[in-house]
Amino acid sequence: MFSAPLRRQSLMTFWMLLIALGLFAPAQAASSEYEPRPYQEGKDVVWVPTAQALANKMLNLANVTPQDYVIDLGSGDGRIVITAAKRGARALGVEYEPELVALSKKNALREGVADKARFIQGDLFETDFSQATVITMFLLPEINLKLRPAILNLKPGTRVVSNSFTMGDWKADHTIVVDPAEGCDNNFCEAYLWIVPAKVEGIWKLSQGELRLKQSFQMISGTLKSGAKTKPITHSQLHGDQISFLVEDEQYTGRVSGDAIEGIVRTGGKTTNWTATRTGKAKAK
C-alpha cells in the first residue's frame, strides 16, 4: 500500500508520461482552429487568399444578384462564396483540401450565411458546374485553359470572373484593377470578366437570304448573301445569347437559341421581324 506522498508522486509521474507520449494535451491546443498559410501547397495550385477588396469588385464585375448561383472553383477559405451569399445569392465552393473545406463551413456559420453558402470537397475537373450563372476562380493560366472547354459549354450569358489570370486567346470582355488605396494588399489585384458566348458559327437561312458566320469566342464576322449580291456584316457583337450586326444600313439584333435566332431589323426608321435557322453545322471552338 502506497503512502499519500508516494501516491501523489506516482500520479504526477503518470500524467507527465502521458503528456510526453502525446496522449494528453491541454484543452486549448485541442480546440485550436486550423489556419491556412499563404502559398501552402495544394493539388493544382498553391493557396493564396483573394484580397477582400478584390473579392467585392469581382462580384460587382459579374453583377451578382440574389437571383444568381455562384460557383467558386478552388474556394480556399470560402471568402468569395461567403461574400456572394451575403448578397443573397446561392453559392457553392469547390475545394480539394479537406481542411479548407472544414474551415470554410465554420466561416460561413460564423458569418450567418450557412444556409446559402455551401462547400464540397472535390476535384475541379470532375465537378459539374453547369448550373452556375456565375463562375469565380483564382487558378493558374494552364488550369484556366484546361477548364476553358467546359466553361465555353456553359449556358450563353454565364459570367466568368478570374483573379489575375487569363484564358489564353479568349480575350476578356472587361478588366478591373484594385489599387492598394482601395484595400488590395497583395500582388494579385486584377480581375477579368468573360461572358460565355452562344455558338453561332455556321450557315443560317433567313428570309433576307443566307447568313454565313465565323466565330472566335465572342468575336464574329461573316456575310449575307441575298440573290446575286453578297454583303459583309459590320459592327458585329455577340454578348452571351444577344447578337447584333449591320448589313449596309440595316441593323440586325436578335437572340440566339440553339439553332434559331429571332430578332428585329431596323432600316430607314422602319422595324421588321427576322428569324434564322442554322442549316450548316457550327464549327467547334
C-alpha atoms as a PDB file:
ATOM      1  CA  MET A   1       0.000   0.000   0.000  1.00  0.00           C
ATOM      2  CA  PHE A   2       1.320   3.478  -1.049  1.00  0.00           C
ATOM      3  CA  SER A   3       1.579   6.341   1.382  1.00  0.00           C
ATOM      4  CA  ALA A   4      -0.191   9.624   0.449  1.00  0.00           C
ATOM      5  CA  PRO A   5       3.030  11.437  -0.648  1.00  0.00           C
ATOM      6  CA  LEU A   6       4.065   8.421  -2.696  1.00  0.00           C
ATOM      7  CA  ARG A   7       0.617   8.207  -4.348  1.00  0.00           C
ATOM      8  CA  ARG A   8       0.805  11.903  -5.313  1.00  0.00           C
ATOM      9  CA  GLN A   9       4.281  11.422  -6.758  1.00  0.00           C
ATOM     10  CA  SER A  10       3.114   8.375  -8.753  1.00  0.00           C
ATOM     11  CA  LEU A  11       0.095  10.272 -10.193  1.00  0.00           C
ATOM     12  CA  MET A  12       2.297  13.186 -11.245  1.00  0.00           C
ATOM     13  CA  THR A  13       4.742  10.806 -12.919  1.00  0.00           C
ATOM     14  CA  PHE A  14       1.783   9.144 -14.745  1.00  0.00           C
ATOM     15  CA  TRP A  15       0.415  12.438 -16.157  1.00  0.00           C
ATOM     16  CA  MET A  16       3.867  13.601 -17.201  1.00  0.00           C
ATOM     17  CA  LEU A  17       4.344  10.329 -19.063  1.00  0.00           C
ATOM     18  CA  LEU A  18       1.009  10.801 -20.918  1.00  0.00           C
ATOM     19  CA  ILE A  19       1.996  14.309 -21.972  1.00  0.00           C
ATOM     20  CA  ALA A  20       5.393  13.116 -23.165  1.00  0.00           C
ATOM     21  CA  LEU A  21       3.723  10.404 -25.254  1.00  0.00           C
ATOM     22  CA  GLY A  22       1.245  12.887 -26.762  1.00  0.00           C
ATOM     23  CA  LEU A  23      -1.725  11.082 -25.203  1.00  0.00           C
ATOM     24  CA  PHE A  24      -2.806  14.080 -23.213  1.00  0.00           C
ATOM     25  CA  ALA A  25      -2.698  17.714 -24.276  1.00  0.00           C
ATOM     26  CA  PRO A  26      -4.051  20.908 -22.836  1.00  0.00           C
ATOM     27  CA  ALA A  27      -7.657  21.651 -23.878  1.00  0.00           C
ATOM     28  CA  GLN A  28      -6.562  24.883 -25.543  1.00  0.00           C
ATOM     29  CA  ALA A  29      -4.313  23.046 -28.024  1.00  0.00           C
ATOM     30  CA  ALA A  30      -7.039  20.513 -28.843  1.00  0.00           C
ATOM     31  CA  SER A  31      -9.534  23.243 -29.696  1.00  0.00           C
ATOM     32  CA  SER A  32      -7.209  25.427 -31.783  1.00  0.00           C
ATOM     33  CA  GLU A  33      -8.584  26.243 -35.258  1.00  0.00           C
ATOM     34  CA  TYR A  34      -6.810  25.288 -38.453  1.00  0.00           C
ATOM     35  CA  GLU A  35      -5.139  28.313 -40.048  1.00  0.00           C
ATOM     36  CA  PRO A  36      -4.016  28.019 -43.678  1.00  0.00           C
ATOM     37  CA  ARG A  37      -0.698  29.571 -44.662  1.00  0.00           C
ATOM     38  CA  PRO A  38      -0.373  31.716 -47.809  1.00  0.00           C
ATOM     39  CA  TYR A  39       1.443  29.819 -50.589  1.00  0.00           C
ATOM     40  CA  GLN A  40       0.869  26.455 -48.947  1.00  0.00           C
ATOM     41  CA  GLU A  41       0.844  23.583 -51.448  1.00  0.00           C
ATOM     42  CA  GLY A  42      -2.421  22.269 -52.887  1.00  0.00           C
ATOM     43  CA  LYS A  43      -3.370  19.705 -55.529  1.00  0.00           C
ATOM     44  CA  ASP A  44      -3.260  22.012 -58.570  1.00  0.00           C
ATOM     45  CA  VAL A  45      -2.186  25.381 -57.167  1.00  0.00           C
ATOM     46  CA  VAL A  46      -0.757  26.931 -54.027  1.00  0.00           C
ATOM     47  CA  TRP A  47      -3.252  28.695 -51.770  1.00  0.00           C
ATOM     48  CA  VAL A  48      -3.198  32.498 -51.754  1.00  0.00           C
ATOM     49  CA  PRO A  49      -6.176  34.345 -50.275  1.00  0.00           C
ATOM     50  CA  THR A  50      -8.030  36.784 -52.529  1.00  0.00           C
ATOM     51  CA  ALA A  51      -7.943  40.264 -51.013  1.00  0.00           C
ATOM     52  CA  GLN A  52     -11.440  41.034 -49.708  1.00  0.00           C
ATOM     53  CA  ALA A  53     -11.474  44.312 -51.663  1.00  0.00           C
ATOM     54  CA  LEU A  54     -10.862  42.379 -54.880  1.00  0.00           C
ATOM     55  CA  ALA A  55     -13.440  39.732 -53.945  1.00  0.00           C
ATOM     56  CA  ASN A  56     -16.018  42.510 -53.632  1.00  0.00           C
ATOM     57  CA  LYS A  57     -15.029  44.002 -57.003  1.00  0.00           C
ATOM     58  CA  MET A  58     -15.081  40.585 -58.697  1.00  0.00           C
ATOM     59  CA  LEU A  59     -18.682  40.073 -57.650  1.00  0.00           C
ATOM     60  CA  ASN A  60     -19.506  43.635 -58.733  1.00  0.00           C
ATOM     61  CA  LEU A  61     -17.899  42.935 -62.098  1.00  0.00           C
ATOM     62  CA  ALA A  62     -20.126  39.874 -62.516  1.00  0.00           C
ATOM     63  CA  ASN A  63     -23.151  41.888 -61.342  1.00  0.00           C
ATOM     64  CA  VAL A  64     -24.082  39.215 -58.788  1.00  0.00           C
ATOM     65  CA  THR A  65     -27.679  39.442 -57.508  1.00  0.00           C
ATOM     66  CA  PRO A  66     -29.880  37.264 -55.258  1.00  0.00           C
ATOM     67  CA  GLN A  67     -31.072  35.503 -58.437  1.00  0.00           C
ATOM     68  CA  ASP A  68     -27.609  34.106 -59.153  1.00  0.00           C
ATOM     69  CA  TYR A  69     -25.990  30.784 -58.416  1.00  0.00           C
ATOM     70  CA  VAL A  70     -22.265  31.413 -57.877  1.00  0.00           C
ATOM     71  CA  ILE A  71     -19.737  28.567 -58.020  1.00  0.00           C
ATOM     72  CA  ASP A  72     -16.181  29.301 -56.885  1.00  0.00           C
ATOM     73  CA  LEU A  73     -13.650  26.859 -58.326  1.00  0.00           C
ATOM     74  CA  GLY A  74     -10.889  26.404 -55.763  1.00  0.00           C
ATOM     75  CA  SER A  75     -12.715  28.183 -52.946  1.00  0.00           C
ATOM     76  CA  GLY A  76      -9.904  28.215 -50.363  1.00  0.00           C
ATOM     77  CA  ASP A  77     -11.109  29.698 -47.079  1.00  0.00           C
ATOM     78  CA  GLY A  78     -14.531  30.422 -48.578  1.00  0.00           C
ATOM     79  CA  ARG A  79     -14.453  34.205 -48.645  1.00  0.00           C
ATOM     80  CA  ILE A  80     -15.841  34.686 -52.177  1.00  0.00           C
ATOM     81  CA  VAL A  81     -18.646  32.189 -51.570  1.00  0.00           C
ATOM     82  CA  ILE A  82     -19.486  33.827 -48.244  1.00  0.00           C
ATOM     83  CA  THR A  83     -19.382  37.323 -49.805  1.00  0.00           C
ATOM     84  CA  ALA A  84     -21.751  36.181 -52.578  1.00  0.00           C
ATOM     85  CA  ALA A  85     -24.092  34.623 -50.015  1.00  0.00           C
ATOM     86  CA  LYS A  86     -24.180  37.901 -48.083  1.00  0.00           C
ATOM     87  CA  ARG A  87     -25.535  39.472 -51.283  1.00  0.00           C
ATOM     88  CA  GLY A  88     -28.372  36.981 -51.242  1.00  0.00           C
ATOM     89  CA  ALA A  89     -27.029  34.646 -53.941  1.00  0.00           C
ATOM     90  CA  ARG A  90     -26.843  30.894 -53.597  1.00  0.00           C
ATOM     91  CA  ALA A  91     -23.176  29.970 -53.654  1.00  0.00           C
ATOM     92  CA  LEU A  92     -21.065  26.830 -53.778  1.00  0.00           C
ATOM     93  CA  GLY A  93     -17.354  26.436 -53.143  1.00  0.00           C
ATOM     94  CA  VAL A  94     -15.414  23.544 -54.659  1.00  0.00           C
ATOM     95  CA  GLU A  95     -12.137  22.880 -52.847  1.00  0.00           C
ATOM     96  CA  TYR A  96      -9.818  19.863 -52.916  1.00  0.00           C
ATOM     97  CA  GLU A  97      -8.189  20.336 -49.488  1.00  0.00           C
ATOM     98  CA  PRO A  98     -10.448  18.921 -46.708  1.00  0.00           C
ATOM     99  CA  GLU A  99      -9.052  21.281 -44.050  1.00  0.00           C
ATOM    100  CA  LEU A 100     -10.002  24.319 -46.136  1.00  0.00           C
ATOM    101  CA  VAL A 101     -13.485  22.918 -46.728  1.00  0.00           C
ATOM    102  CA  ALA A 102     -13.982  22.451 -42.981  1.00  0.00           C
ATOM    103  CA  LEU A 103     -12.672  25.951 -42.282  1.00  0.00           C
ATOM    104  CA  SER A 104     -14.976  27.447 -44.933  1.00  0.00           C
ATOM    105  CA  LYS A 105     -18.009  25.806 -43.367  1.00  0.00           C
ATOM    106  CA  LYS A 106     -17.057  27.249 -39.974  1.00  0.00           C
ATOM    107  CA  ASN A 107     -16.553  30.688 -41.514  1.00  0.00           C
ATOM    108  CA  ALA A 108     -19.963  30.552 -43.225  1.00  0.00           C
ATOM    109  CA  LEU A 109     -21.618  29.562 -39.958  1.00  0.00           C
ATOM    110  CA  ARG A 110     -19.804  32.364 -38.132  1.00  0.00           C
ATOM    111  CA  GLU A 111     -20.950  34.895 -40.764  1.00  0.00           C
ATOM    112  CA  GLY A 112     -24.559  33.703 -40.599  1.00  0.00           C
ATOM    113  CA  VAL A 113     -24.821  32.503 -44.226  1.00  0.00           C
ATOM    114  CA  ALA A 114     -24.535  28.735 -43.835  1.00  0.00           C
ATOM    115  CA  ASP A 115     -27.994  28.394 -45.413  1.00  0.00           C
ATOM    116  CA  LYS A 116     -26.796  29.949 -48.698  1.00  0.00           C
ATOM    117  CA  ALA A 117     -23.056  29.167 -48.717  1.00  0.00           C
ATOM    118  CA  ARG A 118     -22.269  25.500 -49.346  1.00  0.00           C
ATOM    119  CA  PHE A 119     -18.856  23.840 -49.660  1.00  0.00           C
ATOM    120  CA  ILE A 120     -17.820  20.496 -51.062  1.00  0.00           C
ATOM    121  CA  GLN A 121     -14.512  18.671 -51.246  1.00  0.00           C
ATOM    122  CA  GLY A 122     -13.834  17.775 -54.868  1.00  0.00           C
ATOM    123  CA  ASP A 123     -11.651  17.867 -57.950  1.00  0.00           C
ATOM    124  CA  LEU A 124     -12.284  20.826 -60.283  1.00  0.00           C
ATOM    125  CA  PHE A 125     -12.057  18.587 -63.334  1.00  0.00           C
ATOM    126  CA  GLU A 126     -14.621  16.131 -62.010  1.00  0.00           C
ATOM    127  CA  THR A 127     -17.165  18.689 -60.788  1.00  0.00           C
ATOM    128  CA  ASP A 128     -20.381  19.556 -62.608  1.00  0.00           C
ATOM    129  CA  PHE A 129     -20.695  23.344 -62.543  1.00  0.00           C
ATOM    130  CA  SER A 130     -23.134  23.564 -65.456  1.00  0.00           C
ATOM    131  CA  GLN A 131     -25.911  25.090 -63.324  1.00  0.00           C
ATOM    132  CA  ALA A 132     -23.874  28.162 -62.349  1.00  0.00           C
ATOM    133  CA  THR A 133     -24.847  31.614 -63.579  1.00  0.00           C
ATOM    134  CA  VAL A 134     -21.530  32.981 -62.274  1.00  0.00           C
ATOM    135  CA  ILE A 135     -18.153  31.211 -62.059  1.00  0.00           C
ATOM    136  CA  THR A 136     -15.321  32.675 -59.978  1.00  0.00           C
ATOM    137  CA  MET A 137     -11.772  31.372 -59.739  1.00  0.00           C
ATOM    138  CA  PHE A 138      -8.203  32.139 -58.729  1.00  0.00           C
ATOM    139  CA  LEU A 139      -6.205  29.489 -60.550  1.00  0.00           C
ATOM    140  CA  LEU A 140      -3.172  29.374 -62.815  1.00  0.00           C
ATOM    141  CA  PRO A 141      -3.342  30.110 -66.578  1.00  0.00           C
ATOM    142  CA  GLU A 142      -2.761  26.467 -67.501  1.00  0.00           C
ATOM    143  CA  ILE A 143      -5.617  25.378 -65.212  1.00  0.00           C
ATOM    144  CA  ASN A 144      -7.882  28.048 -66.737  1.00  0.00           C
ATOM    145  CA  LEU A 145      -7.088  26.680 -70.194  1.00  0.00           C
ATOM    146  CA  LYS A 146      -7.897  23.120 -69.123  1.00  0.00           C
ATOM    147  CA  LEU A 147     -11.238  24.302 -67.751  1.00  0.00           C
ATOM    148  CA  ARG A 148     -11.973  26.531 -70.762  1.00  0.00           C
ATOM    149  CA  PRO A 149     -13.734  23.908 -72.935  1.00  0.00           C
ATOM    150  CA  ALA A 150     -16.185  23.109 -70.128  1.00  0.00           C
ATOM    151  CA  ILE A 151     -16.715  26.807 -69.431  1.00  0.00           C
ATOM    152  CA  LEU A 152     -17.450  27.534 -73.105  1.00  0.00           C
ATOM    153  CA  ASN A 153     -20.128  24.833 -72.982  1.00  0.00           C
ATOM    154  CA  LEU A 154     -21.974  26.631 -70.190  1.00  0.00           C
ATOM    155  CA  LYS A 155     -25.244  28.415 -70.896  1.00  0.00           C
ATOM    156  CA  PRO A 156     -24.649  31.537 -73.017  1.00  0.00           C
ATOM    157  CA  GLY A 157     -24.591  34.599 -70.782  1.00  0.00           C
ATOM    158  CA  THR A 158     -22.877  32.842 -67.867  1.00  0.00           C
ATOM    159  CA  ARG A 159     -20.390  35.285 -66.296  1.00  0.00           C
ATOM    160  CA  VAL A 160     -16.877  34.080 -65.503  1.00  0.00           C
ATOM    161  CA  VAL A 161     -14.506  36.087 -63.302  1.00  0.00           C
ATOM    162  CA  SER A 162     -10.853  35.240 -62.713  1.00  0.00           C
ATOM    163  CA  ASN A 163      -8.475  36.754 -60.196  1.00  0.00           C
ATOM    164  CA  SER A 164      -5.281  37.810 -62.041  1.00  0.00           C
ATOM    165  CA  PHE A 165      -5.053  35.056 -64.673  1.00  0.00           C
ATOM    166  CA  THR A 166      -6.398  34.985 -68.212  1.00  0.00           C
ATOM    167  CA  MET A 167      -7.888  32.418 -70.623  1.00  0.00           C
ATOM    168  CA  GLY A 168      -5.229  32.475 -73.321  1.00  0.00           C
ATOM    169  CA  ASP A 169      -6.544  33.797 -76.644  1.00  0.00           C
ATOM    170  CA  TRP A 170     -10.086  34.159 -75.296  1.00  0.00           C
ATOM    171  CA  LYS A 171      -9.885  37.860 -74.562  1.00  0.00           C
ATOM    172  CA  ALA A 172     -11.765  39.205 -71.555  1.00  0.00           C
ATOM    173  CA  ASP A 173     -14.860  41.350 -72.022  1.00  0.00           C
ATOM    174  CA  HIS A 174     -13.867  43.581 -69.100  1.00  0.00           C
ATOM    175  CA  THR A 175     -10.848  44.056 -66.803  1.00  0.00           C
ATOM    176  CA  ILE A 176     -10.540  45.845 -63.474  1.00  0.00           C
ATOM    177  CA  VAL A 177      -7.629  46.715 -61.183  1.00  0.00           C
ATOM    178  CA  VAL A 178      -7.969  47.381 -57.450  1.00  0.00           C
ATOM    179  CA  ASP A 179      -5.206  49.558 -56.043  1.00  0.00           C
ATOM    180  CA  PRO A 180      -3.773  49.483 -52.502  1.00  0.00           C
ATOM    181  CA  ALA A 181      -5.781  52.558 -51.523  1.00  0.00           C
ATOM    182  CA  GLU A 182      -8.922  50.525 -52.193  1.00  0.00           C
ATOM    183  CA  GLY A 183      -7.706  47.703 -49.972  1.00  0.00           C
ATOM    184  CA  CYS A 184      -5.884  45.235 -52.210  1.00  0.00           C
ATOM    185  CA  ASP A 185      -2.816  44.450 -50.130  1.00  0.00           C
ATOM    186  CA  ASN A 186      -1.046  41.808 -52.221  1.00  0.00           C
ATOM    187  CA  ASN A 187       0.328  41.271 -55.744  1.00  0.00           C
ATOM    188  CA  PHE A 188      -2.952  39.881 -57.106  1.00  0.00           C
ATOM    189  CA  CYS A 189      -5.191  42.894 -57.631  1.00  0.00           C
ATOM    190  CA  GLU A 190      -6.563  42.436 -61.152  1.00  0.00           C
ATOM    191  CA  ALA A 191      -9.689  40.614 -62.326  1.00  0.00           C
ATOM    192  CA  TYR A 192     -11.035  39.573 -65.715  1.00  0.00           C
ATOM    193  CA  LEU A 193     -14.628  39.025 -66.823  1.00  0.00           C
ATOM    194  CA  TRP A 194     -15.829  36.847 -69.695  1.00  0.00           C
ATOM    195  CA  ILE A 195     -19.411  36.385 -70.858  1.00  0.00           C
ATOM    196  CA  VAL A 196     -19.906  32.878 -72.268  1.00  0.00           C
ATOM    197  CA  PRO A 197     -20.943  33.403 -75.907  1.00  0.00           C
ATOM    198  CA  ALA A 198     -23.581  31.474 -77.823  1.00  0.00           C
ATOM    199  CA  LYS A 199     -22.253  29.206 -80.561  1.00  0.00           C
ATOM    200  CA  VAL A 200     -23.227  30.935 -83.803  1.00  0.00           C
ATOM    201  CA  GLU A 201     -20.703  29.784 -86.373  1.00  0.00           C
ATOM    202  CA  GLY A 202     -22.336  28.187 -89.398  1.00  0.00           C
ATOM    203  CA  ILE A 203     -24.765  28.807 -92.257  1.00  0.00           C
ATOM    204  CA  TRP A 204     -28.115  30.396 -91.414  1.00  0.00           C
ATOM    205  CA  LYS A 205     -31.203  30.569 -93.591  1.00  0.00           C
ATOM    206  CA  LEU A 206     -33.407  33.675 -93.286  1.00  0.00           C
ATOM    207  CA  SER A 207     -35.955  35.430 -95.463  1.00  0.00           C
ATOM    208  CA  GLN A 208     -33.357  38.049 -96.416  1.00  0.00           C
ATOM    209  CA  GLY A 209     -31.003  35.369 -97.774  1.00  0.00           C
ATOM    210  CA  GLU A 210     -28.174  33.224 -96.468  1.00  0.00           C
ATOM    211  CA  LEU A 211     -26.100  34.368 -93.492  1.00  0.00           C
ATOM    212  CA  ARG A 212     -22.643  32.834 -93.063  1.00  0.00           C
ATOM    213  CA  LEU A 213     -20.987  33.437 -89.709  1.00  0.00           C
ATOM    214  CA  LYS A 214     -17.461  32.775 -88.481  1.00  0.00           C
ATOM    215  CA  GLN A 215     -16.724  32.883 -84.781  1.00  0.00           C
ATOM    216  CA  SER A 216     -13.743  33.212 -82.472  1.00  0.00           C
ATOM    217  CA  PHE A 217     -15.218  33.213 -78.973  1.00  0.00           C
ATOM    218  CA  GLN A 218     -17.293  36.439 -78.722  1.00  0.00           C
ATOM    219  CA  MET A 219     -15.870  37.860 -81.969  1.00  0.00           C
ATOM    220  CA  ILE A 220     -17.914  37.203 -85.122  1.00  0.00           C
ATOM    221  CA  SER A 221     -17.677  38.087 -88.798  1.00  0.00           C
ATOM    222  CA  GLY A 222     -19.489  36.979 -91.917  1.00  0.00           C
ATOM    223  CA  THR A 223     -21.567  37.771 -94.988  1.00  0.00           C
ATOM    224  CA  LEU A 224     -25.214  37.974 -96.001  1.00  0.00           C
ATOM    225  CA  LYS A 225     -25.965  36.671 -99.482  1.00  0.00           C
ATOM    226  CA  SER A 226     -29.198  37.989-100.983  1.00  0.00           C
ATOM    227  CA  GLY A 227     -29.815  36.967-104.575  1.00  0.00           C
ATOM    228  CA  ALA A 228     -26.651  37.582-106.558  1.00  0.00           C
ATOM    229  CA  LYS A 229     -25.225  40.026-104.014  1.00  0.00           C
ATOM    230  CA  THR A 230     -23.020  39.104-101.082  1.00  0.00           C
ATOM    231  CA  LYS A 231     -22.538  41.810 -98.468  1.00  0.00           C
ATOM    232  CA  PRO A 232     -20.218  41.774 -95.442  1.00  0.00           C
ATOM    233  CA  ILE A 233     -21.599  42.211 -91.959  1.00  0.00           C
ATOM    234  CA  THR A 234     -20.025  45.011 -89.905  1.00  0.00           C
ATOM    235  CA  HIS A 235     -20.143  46.332 -86.336  1.00  0.00           C
ATOM    236  CA  SER A 236     -20.888  42.797 -85.180  1.00  0.00           C
ATOM    237  CA  GLN A 237     -21.294  41.956 -81.500  1.00  0.00           C
ATOM    238  CA  LEU A 238     -22.031  38.774 -79.569  1.00  0.00           C
ATOM    239  CA  HIS A 239     -22.860  39.217 -75.902  1.00  0.00           C
ATOM    240  CA  GLY A 240     -23.993  35.944 -74.393  1.00  0.00           C
ATOM    241  CA  ASP A 241     -27.031  34.976 -76.473  1.00  0.00           C
ATOM    242  CA  GLN A 242     -27.519  38.514 -77.852  1.00  0.00           C
ATOM    243  CA  ILE A 243     -26.282  39.109 -81.402  1.00  0.00           C
ATOM    244  CA  SER A 244     -26.173  42.290 -83.460  1.00  0.00           C
ATOM    245  CA  PHE A 245     -24.610  43.402 -86.756  1.00  0.00           C
ATOM    246  CA  LEU A 246     -25.007  45.798 -89.655  1.00  0.00           C
ATOM    247  CA  VAL A 247     -25.535  44.962 -93.319  1.00  0.00           C
ATOM    248  CA  GLU A 248     -25.062  48.327 -95.036  1.00  0.00           C
ATOM    249  CA  ASP A 249     -27.794  50.468 -93.408  1.00  0.00           C
ATOM    250  CA  GLU A 250     -29.761  47.557 -91.911  1.00  0.00           C
ATOM    251  CA  GLN A 251     -29.307  46.973 -88.183  1.00  0.00           C
ATOM    252  CA  TYR A 252     -29.933  43.360 -87.143  1.00  0.00           C
ATOM    253  CA  THR A 253     -30.406  42.454 -83.477  1.00  0.00           C
ATOM    254  CA  GLY A 254     -31.590  39.136 -82.108  1.00  0.00           C
ATOM    255  CA  ARG A 255     -31.446  36.400 -79.525  1.00  0.00           C
ATOM    256  CA  VAL A 256     -29.745  33.072 -80.239  1.00  0.00           C
ATOM    257  CA  SER A 257     -31.393  29.881 -79.003  1.00  0.00           C
ATOM    258  CA  GLY A 258     -29.528  26.821 -80.211  1.00  0.00           C
ATOM    259  CA  ASP A 259     -30.030  26.616 -83.982  1.00  0.00           C
ATOM    260  CA  ALA A 260     -32.501  29.504 -84.146  1.00  0.00           C
ATOM    261  CA  ILE A 261     -32.307  33.293 -83.977  1.00  0.00           C
ATOM    262  CA  GLU A 262     -35.240  35.668 -83.528  1.00  0.00           C
ATOM    263  CA  GLY A 263     -34.988  39.437 -83.623  1.00  0.00           C
ATOM    264  CA  ILE A 264     -35.706  42.671 -85.441  1.00  0.00           C
ATOM    265  CA  VAL A 265     -34.211  44.608 -88.359  1.00  0.00           C
ATOM    266  CA  ARG A 266     -34.174  48.399 -88.322  1.00  0.00           C
ATOM    267  CA  THR A 267     -33.684  50.402 -91.503  1.00  0.00           C
ATOM    268  CA  GLY A 268     -34.798  53.860 -92.555  1.00  0.00           C
ATOM    269  CA  GLY A 269     -36.964  54.279 -89.469  1.00  0.00           C
ATOM    270  CA  LYS A 270     -38.786  51.011 -90.192  1.00  0.00           C
ATOM    271  CA  THR A 271     -38.683  47.916 -87.967  1.00  0.00           C
ATOM    272  CA  THR A 272     -39.432  44.367 -89.098  1.00  0.00           C
ATOM    273  CA  ASN A 273     -39.019  40.939 -87.552  1.00  0.00           C
ATOM    274  CA  TRP A 274     -36.443  38.441 -88.713  1.00  0.00           C
ATOM    275  CA  THR A 275     -35.784  34.787 -87.920  1.00  0.00           C
ATOM    276  CA  ALA A 276     -32.966  32.484 -88.923  1.00  0.00           C
ATOM    277  CA  THR A 277     -32.397  28.738 -88.808  1.00  0.00           C
ATOM    278  CA  ARG A 278     -28.959  27.162 -88.884  1.00  0.00           C
ATOM    279  CA  THR A 279     -28.604  24.794 -91.819  1.00  0.00           C
ATOM    280  CA  GLY A 280     -24.854  24.200 -91.630  1.00  0.00           C
ATOM    281  CA  LYS A 281     -23.071  22.650 -88.667  1.00  0.00           C
ATOM    282  CA  ALA A 282     -21.289  25.124 -86.417  1.00  0.00           C
ATOM    283  CA  LYS A 283     -17.540  24.765 -86.068  1.00  0.00           C
ATOM    284  CA  ALA A 284     -16.463  23.909 -82.535  1.00  0.00           C
ATOM    285  CA  LYS A 285     -14.125  26.359 -80.825  1.00  0.00           C
END
